[in-house]
Amino acid sequence: MKAIHKILGVIWILISILTAYYIVSTAMAEISAGTPEDATIFWPIIIFIFLPILFGLALFGYYSIKEEYN
């Protein structure tokens, strides 16, 4: 069971990093593309909401790797 926790911890960290990269890169592309003002309002809100959630997911994965849930 400990091995499953560690594997899932790594997966959760990777998912959070890749999702954060995707959200930030998409936001940069949308804002710099000169789209309407809706993009300049929409993407900072999305980043503000989802980055703390992704940080929590990465922290959960870190604790899972360190076996804090035993």
PDB file of N, CA and C in Angstrom:
ATOM      1  N   MET A   1       0.821  -1.195   0.000  1.00  0.00           N
ATOM      2  CA  MET A   1       0.000   0.000   0.000  1.00  0.00           C
ATOM      3  C   MET A   1       0.865   1.259   0.000  1.00  0.00           C
ATOM      4  N   LYS A   2       2.007   1.179   0.672  1.00  0.00           N
ATOM      5  CA  LYS A   2       2.893   2.339   0.705  1.00  0.00           C
ATOM      6  C   LYS A   2       3.426   2.668  -0.684  1.00  0.00           C
ATOM      7  N   ALA A   3       3.666   1.627  -1.475  1.00  0.00           N
ATOM      8  CA  ALA A   3       4.162   1.850  -2.836  1.00  0.00           C
ATOM      9  C   ALA A   3       3.103   2.553  -3.690  1.00  0.00           C
ATOM     10  N   ILE A   4       1.841   2.169  -3.492  1.00  0.00           N
ATOM     11  CA  ILE A   4       0.757   2.826  -4.241  1.00  0.00           C
ATOM     12  C   ILE A   4       0.659   4.284  -3.847  1.00  0.00           C
ATOM     13  N   HIS A   5       0.803   4.593  -2.542  1.00  0.00           N
ATOM     14  CA  HIS A   5       0.761   5.984  -2.096  1.00  0.00           C
ATOM     15  C   HIS A   5       1.878   6.803  -2.745  1.00  0.00           C
ATOM     16  N   LYS A   6       3.062   6.235  -2.813  1.00  0.00           N
ATOM     17  CA  LYS A   6       4.184   6.963  -3.400  1.00  0.00           C
ATOM     18  C   LYS A   6       3.994   7.177  -4.897  1.00  0.00           C
ATOM     19  N   ILE A   7       3.514   6.161  -5.588  1.00  0.00           N
ATOM     20  CA  ILE A   7       3.279   6.293  -7.031  1.00  0.00           C
ATOM     21  C   ILE A   7       2.204   7.344  -7.297  1.00  0.00           C
ATOM     22  N   LEU A   8       1.117   7.292  -6.533  1.00  0.00           N
ATOM     23  CA  LEU A   8       0.055   8.276  -6.709  1.00  0.00           C
ATOM     24  C   LEU A   8       0.524   9.680  -6.324  1.00  0.00           C
ATOM     25  N   GLY A   9       1.408   9.778  -5.345  1.00  0.00           N
ATOM     26  CA  GLY A   9       1.962  11.078  -4.982  1.00  0.00           C
ATOM     27  C   GLY A   9       2.728  11.703  -6.132  1.00  0.00           C
ATOM     28  N   VAL A  10       3.533  10.907  -6.797  1.00  0.00           N
ATOM     29  CA  VAL A  10       4.282  11.391  -7.966  1.00  0.00           C
ATOM     30  C   VAL A  10       3.323  11.790  -9.083  1.00  0.00           C
ATOM     31  N   ILE A  11       2.294  10.975  -9.289  1.00  0.00           N
ATOM     32  CA  ILE A  11       1.317  11.286 -10.341  1.00  0.00           C
ATOM     33  C   ILE A  11       0.591  12.587 -10.035  1.00  0.00           C
ATOM     34  N   TRP A  12       0.194  12.805  -8.773  1.00  0.00           N
ATOM     35  CA  TRP A  12      -0.505  14.035  -8.414  1.00  0.00           C
ATOM     36  C   TRP A  12       0.394  15.259  -8.591  1.00  0.00           C
ATOM     37  N   ILE A  13       1.651  15.128  -8.248  1.00  0.00           N
ATOM     38  CA  ILE A  13       2.573  16.251  -8.430  1.00  0.00           C
ATOM     39  C   ILE A  13       2.743  16.557  -9.919  1.00  0.00           C
ATOM     40  N   LEU A  14       2.909  15.520 -10.728  1.00  0.00           N
ATOM     41  CA  LEU A  14       3.064  15.736 -12.172  1.00  0.00           C
ATOM     42  C   LEU A  14       1.809  16.350 -12.786  1.00  0.00           C
ATOM     43  N   ILE A  15       0.647  15.879 -12.375  1.00  0.00           N
ATOM     44  CA  ILE A  15      -0.604  16.443 -12.890  1.00  0.00           C
ATOM     45  C   ILE A  15      -0.717  17.915 -12.524  1.00  0.00           C
ATOM     46  N   SER A  16      -0.372  18.264 -11.304  1.00  0.00           N
ATOM     47  CA  SER A  16      -0.488  19.664 -10.897  1.00  0.00           C
ATOM     48  C   SER A  16       0.502  20.556 -11.652  1.00  0.00           C
ATOM     49  N   ILE A  17       1.717  20.081 -11.867  1.00  0.00           N
ATOM     50  CA  ILE A  17       2.708  20.879 -12.585  1.00  0.00           C
ATOM     51  C   ILE A  17       2.308  21.059 -14.049  1.00  0.00           C
ATOM     52  N   LEU A  18       1.889  19.976 -14.680  1.00  0.00           N
ATOM     53  CA  LEU A  18       1.500  20.066 -16.087  1.00  0.00           C
ATOM     54  C   LEU A  18       0.247  20.923 -16.289  1.00  0.00           C
ATOM     55  N   THR A  19      -0.701  20.812 -15.388  1.00  0.00           N
ATOM     56  CA  THR A  19      -1.911  21.617 -15.494  1.00  0.00           C
ATOM     57  C   THR A  19      -1.616  23.097 -15.259  1.00  0.00           C
ATOM     58  N   ALA A  20      -0.762  23.395 -14.294  1.00  0.00           N
ATOM     59  CA  ALA A  20      -0.386  24.790 -14.049  1.00  0.00           C
ATOM     60  C   ALA A  20       0.328  25.371 -15.265  1.00  0.00           C
ATOM     61  N   TYR A  21       1.223  24.595 -15.860  1.00  0.00           N
ATOM     62  CA  TYR A  21       1.914  25.059 -17.057  1.00  0.00           C
ATOM     63  C   TYR A  21       0.925  25.315 -18.199  1.00  0.00           C
ATOM     64  N   TYR A  22      -0.013  24.395 -18.381  1.00  0.00           N
ATOM     65  CA  TYR A  22      -1.001  24.547 -19.445  1.00  0.00           C
ATOM     66  C   TYR A  22      -1.871  25.784 -19.227  1.00  0.00           C
ATOM     67  N   ILE A  23      -2.324  25.992 -18.009  1.00  0.00           N
ATOM     68  CA  ILE A  23      -3.188  27.148 -17.734  1.00  0.00           C
ATOM     69  C   ILE A  23      -2.438  28.452 -17.958  1.00  0.00           C
ATOM     70  N   VAL A  24      -1.229  28.546 -17.446  1.00  0.00           N
ATOM     71  CA  VAL A  24      -0.462  29.798 -17.589  1.00  0.00           C
ATOM     72  C   VAL A  24      -0.069  30.040 -19.041  1.00  0.00           C
ATOM     73  N   SER A  25       0.362  29.007 -19.748  1.00  0.00           N
ATOM     74  CA  SER A  25       0.755  29.207 -21.148  1.00  0.00           C
ATOM     75  C   SER A  25      -0.449  29.562 -22.023  1.00  0.00           C
ATOM     76  N   THR A  26      -1.588  28.956 -21.768  1.00  0.00           N
ATOM     77  CA  THR A  26      -2.794  29.292 -22.521  1.00  0.00           C
ATOM     78  C   THR A  26      -3.232  30.722 -22.223  1.00  0.00           C
ATOM     79  N   ALA A  27      -3.149  31.108 -20.978  1.00  0.00           N
ATOM     80  CA  ALA A  27      -3.520  32.479 -20.607  1.00  0.00           C
ATOM     81  C   ALA A  27      -2.600  33.495 -21.284  1.00  0.00           C
ATOM     82  N   MET A  28      -1.310  33.219 -21.290  1.00  0.00           N
ATOM     83  CA  MET A  28      -0.367  34.141 -21.946  1.00  0.00           C
ATOM     84  C   MET A  28      -0.657  34.252 -23.436  1.00  0.00           C
ATOM     85  N   ALA A  29      -0.930  33.123 -24.074  1.00  0.00           N
ATOM     86  CA  ALA A  29      -1.211  33.137 -25.510  1.00  0.00           C
ATOM     87  C   ALA A  29      -2.510  33.881 -25.810  1.00  0.00           C
ATOM     88  N   GLU A  30      -3.533  33.667 -25.008  1.00  0.00           N
ATOM     89  CA  GLU A  30      -4.822  34.327 -25.237  1.00  0.00           C
ATOM     90  C   GLU A  30      -4.724  35.829 -25.004  1.00  0.00           C
ATOM     91  N   ILE A  31      -4.034  36.226 -23.952  1.00  0.00           N
ATOM     92  CA  ILE A  31      -3.933  37.646 -23.637  1.00  0.00           C
ATOM     93  C   ILE A  31      -3.054  38.362 -24.655  1.00  0.00           C
ATOM     94  N   SER A  32      -1.948  37.750 -25.052  1.00  0.00           N
ATOM     95  CA  SER A  32      -1.038  38.410 -25.993  1.00  0.00           C
ATOM     96  C   SER A  32      -1.543  38.363 -27.432  1.00  0.00           C
ATOM     97  N   ALA A  33      -2.551  37.550 -27.720  1.00  0.00           N
ATOM     98  CA  ALA A  33      -3.074  37.446 -29.082  1.00  0.00           C
ATOM     99  C   ALA A  33      -3.929  38.655 -29.462  1.00  0.00           C
ATOM    100  N   GLY A  34      -4.227  39.473 -28.498  1.00  0.00           N
ATOM    101  CA  GLY A  34      -5.015  40.653 -28.802  1.00  0.00           C
ATOM    102  C   GLY A  34      -6.502  40.349 -28.927  1.00  0.00           C
ATOM    103  N   THR A  35      -6.949  39.336 -28.215  1.00  0.00           N
ATOM    104  CA  THR A  35      -8.367  39.013 -28.211  1.00  0.00           C
ATOM    105  C   THR A  35      -9.134  40.091 -27.444  1.00  0.00           C
ATOM    106  N   PRO A  36     -10.427  40.059 -27.517  1.00  0.00           N
ATOM    107  CA  PRO A  36     -11.205  41.090 -26.816  1.00  0.00           C
ATOM    108  C   PRO A  36     -10.883  41.163 -25.326  1.00  0.00           C
ATOM    109  N   GLU A  37     -11.381  42.192 -24.694  1.00  0.00           N
ATOM    110  CA  GLU A  37     -11.074  42.428 -23.294  1.00  0.00           C
ATOM    111  C   GLU A  37     -11.580  41.318 -22.381  1.00  0.00           C
ATOM    112  N   ASP A  38     -12.463  40.494 -22.874  1.00  0.00           N
ATOM    113  CA  ASP A  38     -12.953  39.389 -22.054  1.00  0.00           C
ATOM    114  C   ASP A  38     -11.812  38.463 -21.644  1.00  0.00           C
ATOM    115  N   ALA A  39     -10.836  38.266 -22.512  1.00  0.00           N
ATOM    116  CA  ALA A  39      -9.708  37.382 -22.198  1.00  0.00           C
ATOM    117  C   ALA A  39      -8.847  37.972 -21.093  1.00  0.00           C
ATOM    118  N   THR A  40      -8.687  39.292 -21.081  1.00  0.00           N
ATOM    119  CA  THR A  40      -7.855  39.910 -20.044  1.00  0.00           C
ATOM    120  C   THR A  40      -8.548  39.893 -18.683  1.00  0.00           C
ATOM    121  N   ILE A  41      -9.836  39.708 -18.667  1.00  0.00           N
ATOM    122  CA  ILE A  41     -10.563  39.582 -17.404  1.00  0.00           C
ATOM    123  C   ILE A  41     -10.690  38.113 -17.009  1.00  0.00           C
ATOM    124  N   PHE A  42     -10.962  37.260 -17.980  1.00  0.00           N
ATOM    125  CA  PHE A  42     -11.243  35.849 -17.719  1.00  0.00           C
ATOM    126  C   PHE A  42     -10.019  35.096 -17.213  1.00  0.00           C
ATOM    127  N   TRP A  43      -8.892  35.219 -17.881  1.00  0.00           N
ATOM    128  CA  TRP A  43      -7.729  34.388 -17.552  1.00  0.00           C
ATOM    129  C   TRP A  43      -7.092  34.706 -16.212  1.00  0.00           C
ATOM    130  N   PRO A  44      -6.958  35.967 -15.797  1.00  0.00           N
ATOM    131  CA  PRO A  44      -6.428  36.182 -14.437  1.00  0.00           C
ATOM    132  C   PRO A  44      -7.323  35.585 -13.351  1.00  0.00           C
ATOM    133  N   ILE A  45      -8.634  35.587 -13.587  1.00  0.00           N
ATOM    134  CA  ILE A  45      -9.534  34.974 -12.618  1.00  0.00           C
ATOM    135  C   ILE A  45      -9.307  33.467 -12.573  1.00  0.00           C
ATOM    136  N   ILE A  46      -9.174  32.851 -13.742  1.00  0.00           N
ATOM    137  CA  ILE A  46      -8.928  31.409 -13.803  1.00  0.00           C
ATOM    138  C   ILE A  46      -7.613  31.067 -13.102  1.00  0.00           C
ATOM    139  N   ILE A  47      -6.581  31.849 -13.353  1.00  0.00           N
ATOM    140  CA  ILE A  47      -5.285  31.604 -12.714  1.00  0.00           C
ATOM    141  C   ILE A  47      -5.405  31.776 -11.204  1.00  0.00           C
ATOM    142  N   PHE A  48      -6.091  32.825 -10.772  1.00  0.00           N
ATOM    143  CA  PHE A  48      -6.248  33.099  -9.341  1.00  0.00           C
ATOM    144  C   PHE A  48      -7.007  31.986  -8.628  1.00  0.00           C
ATOM    145  N   ILE A  49      -7.940  31.354  -9.306  1.00  0.00           N
ATOM    146  CA  ILE A  49      -8.728  30.282  -8.691  1.00  0.00           C
ATOM    147  C   ILE A  49      -7.989  28.947  -8.731  1.00  0.00           C
ATOM    148  N   PHE A  50      -7.395  28.598  -9.867  1.00  0.00           N
ATOM    149  CA  PHE A  50      -6.882  27.244 -10.040  1.00  0.00           C
ATOM    150  C   PHE A  50      -5.453  27.025  -9.544  1.00  0.00           C
ATOM    151  N   LEU A  51      -4.621  28.040  -9.513  1.00  0.00           N
ATOM    152  CA  LEU A  51      -3.254  27.807  -9.046  1.00  0.00           C
ATOM    153  C   LEU A  51      -3.184  27.406  -7.573  1.00  0.00           C
ATOM    154  N   PRO A  52      -3.967  27.997  -6.675  1.00  0.00           N
ATOM    155  CA  PRO A  52      -3.942  27.479  -5.294  1.00  0.00           C
ATOM    156  C   PRO A  52      -4.460  26.049  -5.182  1.00  0.00           C
ATOM    157  N   ILE A  53      -5.447  25.691  -6.004  1.00  0.00           N
ATOM    158  CA  ILE A  53      -5.943  24.315  -6.004  1.00  0.00           C
ATOM    159  C   ILE A  53      -4.842  23.372  -6.464  1.00  0.00           C
ATOM    160  N   LEU A  54      -4.111  23.760  -7.501  1.00  0.00           N
ATOM    161  CA  LEU A  54      -3.024  22.926  -8.005  1.00  0.00           C
ATOM    162  C   LEU A  54      -1.873  22.848  -7.008  1.00  0.00           C
ATOM    163  N   PHE A  55      -1.634  23.934  -6.293  1.00  0.00           N
ATOM    164  CA  PHE A  55      -0.612  23.896  -5.244  1.00  0.00           C
ATOM    165  C   PHE A  55      -1.015  22.902  -4.160  1.00  0.00           C
ATOM    166  N   GLY A  56      -2.281  22.893  -3.795  1.00  0.00           N
ATOM    167  CA  GLY A  56      -2.769  21.943  -2.806  1.00  0.00           C
ATOM    168  C   GLY A  56      -2.643  20.516  -3.287  1.00  0.00           C
ATOM    169  N   LEU A  57      -2.900  20.278  -4.561  1.00  0.00           N
ATOM    170  CA  LEU A  57      -2.750  18.939  -5.118  1.00  0.00           C
ATOM    171  C   LEU A  57      -1.291  18.489  -5.074  1.00  0.00           C
ATOM    172  N   ALA A  58      -0.382  19.392  -5.408  1.00  0.00           N
ATOM    173  CA  ALA A  58       1.048  19.059  -5.350  1.00  0.00           C
ATOM    174  C   ALA A  58       1.481  18.814  -3.905  1.00  0.00           C
ATOM    175  N   LEU A  59       0.974  19.597  -2.982  1.00  0.00           N
ATOM    176  CA  LEU A  59       1.308  19.406  -1.575  1.00  0.00           C
ATOM    177  C   LEU A  59       0.769  18.068  -1.062  1.00  0.00           C
ATOM    178  N   PHE A  60      -0.421  17.706  -1.493  1.00  0.00           N
ATOM    179  CA  PHE A  60      -0.988  16.412  -1.140  1.00  0.00           C
ATOM    180  C   PHE A  60      -0.109  15.283  -1.685  1.00  0.00           C
ATOM    181  N   GLY A  61       0.376  15.421  -2.905  1.00  0.00           N
ATOM    182  CA  GLY A  61       1.278  14.423  -3.475  1.00  0.00           C
ATOM    183  C   GLY A  61       2.590  14.345  -2.719  1.00  0.00           C
ATOM    184  N   TYR A  62       3.097  15.494  -2.303  1.00  0.00           N
ATOM    185  CA  TYR A  62       4.341  15.529  -1.535  1.00  0.00           C
ATOM    186  C   TYR A  62       4.173  14.804  -0.205  1.00  0.00           C
ATOM    187  N   TYR A  63       3.069  15.082   0.479  1.00  0.00           N
ATOM    188  CA  TYR A  63       2.813  14.403   1.749  1.00  0.00           C
ATOM    189  C   TYR A  63       2.602  12.904   1.541  1.00  0.00           C
ATOM    190  N   SER A  64       2.039  12.544   0.426  1.00  0.00           N
ATOM    191  CA  SER A  64       1.844  11.126   0.130  1.00  0.00           C
ATOM    192  C   SER A  64       3.180  10.428  -0.089  1.00  0.00           C
ATOM    193  N   ILE A  65       4.107  11.104  -0.740  1.00  0.00           N
ATOM    194  CA  ILE A  65       5.443  10.537  -0.953  1.00  0.00           C
ATOM    195  C   ILE A  65       6.195  10.406   0.374  1.00  0.00           C
ATOM    196  N   LYS A  66       6.049  11.389   1.230  1.00  0.00           N
ATOM    197  CA  LYS A  66       6.748  11.386   2.528  1.00  0.00           C
ATOM    198  C   LYS A  66       6.069  10.493   3.565  1.00  0.00           C
ATOM    199  N   GLU A  67       5.007   9.797   3.173  1.00  0.00           N
ATOM    200  CA  GLU A  67       4.273   8.863   4.037  1.00  0.00           C
ATOM    201  C   GLU A  67       3.713   9.538   5.278  1.00  0.00           C
ATOM    202  N   GLU A  68       3.165  10.724   5.124  1.00  0.00           N
ATOM    203  CA  GLU A  68       2.545  11.433   6.238  1.00  0.00           C
ATOM    204  C   GLU A  68       1.154  10.910   6.557  1.00  0.00           C
ATOM    205  N   TYR A  69       0.601  10.064   5.698  1.00  0.00           N
ATOM    206  CA  TYR A  69      -0.761   9.585   5.883  1.00  0.00           C
ATOM    207  C   TYR A  69      -0.822   8.190   6.487  1.00  0.00           C
ATOM    208  N   ASN A  70       0.199   7.786   7.192  1.00  0.00           N
ATOM    209  CA  ASN A  70       0.196   6.458   7.830  1.00  0.00           C
ATOM    210  C   ASN A  70      -0.351   6.556   9.232  1.00  0.00           C
TER     211      ASN A  70
END
